N, C-alpha and C. Protein backbone atom coordinates (compact mmCIF):
# COMPACT_ATOMS: atom_id res chain seq x y z
N ASN A 1 83.46 -32.30 61.85
CA ASN A 1 83.54 -33.59 62.51
C ASN A 1 82.44 -34.54 62.08
N THR A 2 81.84 -34.27 60.93
CA THR A 2 80.80 -35.16 60.41
C THR A 2 81.10 -35.47 58.95
N GLU A 3 80.43 -36.47 58.41
CA GLU A 3 80.61 -36.82 57.00
C GLU A 3 80.21 -35.66 56.10
N MET A 4 79.16 -34.95 56.48
CA MET A 4 78.69 -33.83 55.68
C MET A 4 79.77 -32.74 55.59
N VAL A 5 80.38 -32.41 56.71
CA VAL A 5 81.41 -31.37 56.72
C VAL A 5 82.67 -31.86 56.01
N ALA A 6 82.99 -33.12 56.16
CA ALA A 6 84.18 -33.68 55.50
C ALA A 6 84.08 -33.59 53.98
N ALA A 7 82.86 -33.56 53.46
CA ALA A 7 82.66 -33.49 52.02
C ALA A 7 82.84 -32.08 51.45
N ILE A 8 82.94 -31.08 52.31
CA ILE A 8 83.09 -29.69 51.86
C ILE A 8 84.56 -29.41 51.58
N ARG A 9 84.84 -28.79 50.45
CA ARG A 9 86.23 -28.42 50.13
C ARG A 9 86.79 -27.51 51.22
N GLU A 10 88.06 -27.63 51.49
CA GLU A 10 88.70 -26.87 52.58
C GLU A 10 88.59 -25.36 52.37
N ASP A 11 88.75 -24.87 51.14
CA ASP A 11 88.65 -23.43 50.90
C ASP A 11 87.23 -22.92 51.16
N VAL A 12 86.24 -23.71 50.81
CA VAL A 12 84.85 -23.33 51.06
C VAL A 12 84.58 -23.34 52.56
N LYS A 13 85.08 -24.36 53.24
CA LYS A 13 84.91 -24.46 54.69
C LYS A 13 85.53 -23.24 55.39
N GLN A 14 86.69 -22.80 54.94
CA GLN A 14 87.34 -21.64 55.55
C GLN A 14 86.51 -20.37 55.34
N LYS A 15 85.90 -20.21 54.17
CA LYS A 15 85.04 -19.05 53.93
C LYS A 15 83.84 -19.04 54.86
N ILE A 16 83.30 -20.22 55.12
CA ILE A 16 82.17 -20.33 56.05
C ILE A 16 82.62 -19.96 57.46
N ILE A 17 83.75 -20.51 57.89
CA ILE A 17 84.27 -20.25 59.23
C ILE A 17 84.57 -18.77 59.44
N GLU A 18 85.08 -18.10 58.41
CA GLU A 18 85.39 -16.66 58.52
C GLU A 18 84.14 -15.82 58.80
N GLN A 19 82.98 -16.30 58.44
CA GLN A 19 81.73 -15.57 58.67
C GLN A 19 81.16 -15.79 60.06
N ILE A 20 81.66 -16.79 60.78
CA ILE A 20 81.14 -17.13 62.10
C ILE A 20 81.94 -16.37 63.15
N PRO A 21 81.28 -15.57 64.00
CA PRO A 21 82.00 -14.76 64.99
C PRO A 21 82.96 -15.54 65.89
N ILE A 22 82.64 -16.77 66.25
CA ILE A 22 83.56 -17.52 67.13
C ILE A 22 84.61 -18.28 66.33
N ARG A 23 84.60 -18.13 65.01
CA ARG A 23 85.62 -18.65 64.09
C ARG A 23 85.84 -20.16 64.13
N ARG A 24 84.74 -20.88 64.26
CA ARG A 24 84.85 -22.34 64.17
C ARG A 24 83.47 -22.91 63.86
N LEU A 25 83.45 -24.13 63.36
CA LEU A 25 82.20 -24.84 63.13
C LEU A 25 81.73 -25.45 64.44
N GLY A 26 80.47 -25.66 64.56
CA GLY A 26 79.92 -26.28 65.75
C GLY A 26 80.23 -27.77 65.80
N ASP A 27 80.38 -28.25 67.00
CA ASP A 27 80.62 -29.67 67.22
C ASP A 27 79.26 -30.38 67.32
N PRO A 28 79.14 -31.59 66.80
CA PRO A 28 77.86 -32.30 66.91
C PRO A 28 77.32 -32.38 68.33
N SER A 29 78.20 -32.47 69.31
CA SER A 29 77.72 -32.53 70.71
C SER A 29 77.06 -31.22 71.12
N GLU A 30 77.52 -30.10 70.57
CA GLU A 30 76.90 -28.81 70.89
C GLU A 30 75.49 -28.73 70.32
N ILE A 31 75.31 -29.25 69.13
CA ILE A 31 73.99 -29.27 68.52
C ILE A 31 73.07 -30.20 69.30
N SER A 32 73.59 -31.36 69.69
CA SER A 32 72.76 -32.31 70.42
C SER A 32 72.34 -31.77 71.78
N HIS A 33 73.17 -30.94 72.41
CA HIS A 33 72.78 -30.32 73.68
C HIS A 33 71.56 -29.41 73.49
N SER A 34 71.54 -28.68 72.38
CA SER A 34 70.40 -27.81 72.10
C SER A 34 69.13 -28.62 71.87
N VAL A 35 69.25 -29.70 71.13
CA VAL A 35 68.10 -30.57 70.88
C VAL A 35 67.60 -31.18 72.18
N PHE A 36 68.52 -31.64 73.01
CA PHE A 36 68.16 -32.23 74.30
C PHE A 36 67.41 -31.22 75.17
N TYR A 37 67.86 -29.97 75.17
CA TYR A 37 67.20 -28.92 75.94
C TYR A 37 65.73 -28.78 75.52
N ILE A 38 65.49 -28.77 74.22
CA ILE A 38 64.12 -28.64 73.72
C ILE A 38 63.28 -29.85 74.11
N LEU A 39 63.83 -31.03 73.92
CA LEU A 39 63.07 -32.26 74.20
C LEU A 39 62.78 -32.45 75.67
N GLU A 40 63.70 -32.04 76.52
CA GLU A 40 63.55 -32.25 77.95
C GLU A 40 62.63 -31.22 78.61
N ASN A 41 62.42 -30.09 77.96
CA ASN A 41 61.72 -28.98 78.56
C ASN A 41 60.25 -28.95 78.12
N ASP A 42 59.35 -29.42 78.95
CA ASP A 42 57.92 -29.45 78.61
C ASP A 42 57.33 -28.05 78.42
N TYR A 43 57.91 -27.06 79.05
CA TYR A 43 57.36 -25.71 79.00
C TYR A 43 57.90 -24.91 77.80
N PHE A 44 58.82 -25.46 77.10
CA PHE A 44 59.44 -24.80 75.95
C PHE A 44 58.57 -25.01 74.72
N THR A 45 58.10 -23.90 74.11
CA THR A 45 57.26 -24.01 72.92
C THR A 45 57.56 -22.90 71.93
N GLY A 46 57.36 -23.20 70.66
CA GLY A 46 57.30 -22.22 69.61
C GLY A 46 58.48 -21.30 69.41
N ARG A 47 59.67 -21.77 69.59
CA ARG A 47 60.84 -20.93 69.40
C ARG A 47 61.82 -21.60 68.47
N VAL A 48 62.67 -20.77 67.87
CA VAL A 48 63.78 -21.26 67.07
C VAL A 48 65.05 -20.96 67.84
N ILE A 49 65.86 -21.96 68.03
CA ILE A 49 67.14 -21.76 68.69
C ILE A 49 68.20 -21.67 67.59
N GLU A 50 68.85 -20.53 67.50
CA GLU A 50 69.92 -20.35 66.53
C GLU A 50 71.19 -20.93 67.11
N CYS A 51 71.58 -22.06 66.65
CA CYS A 51 72.78 -22.73 67.13
C CYS A 51 73.83 -22.61 66.02
N ASP A 52 74.37 -21.39 65.88
CA ASP A 52 75.22 -21.10 64.72
C ASP A 52 76.48 -20.29 65.06
N GLY A 53 76.88 -20.31 66.31
CA GLY A 53 78.11 -19.61 66.70
C GLY A 53 78.04 -18.10 66.57
N GLY A 54 76.83 -17.56 66.54
CA GLY A 54 76.65 -16.12 66.44
C GLY A 54 76.55 -15.60 65.02
N LEU A 55 76.45 -16.49 64.04
CA LEU A 55 76.39 -16.09 62.64
C LEU A 55 75.24 -15.13 62.35
N ARG A 56 74.11 -15.32 63.00
CA ARG A 56 72.92 -14.50 62.71
C ARG A 56 72.69 -13.38 63.72
N ILE A 57 73.70 -13.04 64.47
CA ILE A 57 73.54 -11.95 65.44
C ILE A 57 73.40 -10.64 64.70
């Protein structure tokens, strides 16, 4: 749903999706929710949030 993803060939996109446990790409709003959580939380420090649909589990 972004210009970056639209530029990826469909066959390549499908190979990426097949590797993601939930079998879909993330929506920009899902990514923005993660960013908002970090920015809004003063007590949150020094962590990496994997927002990748379980790809790195």
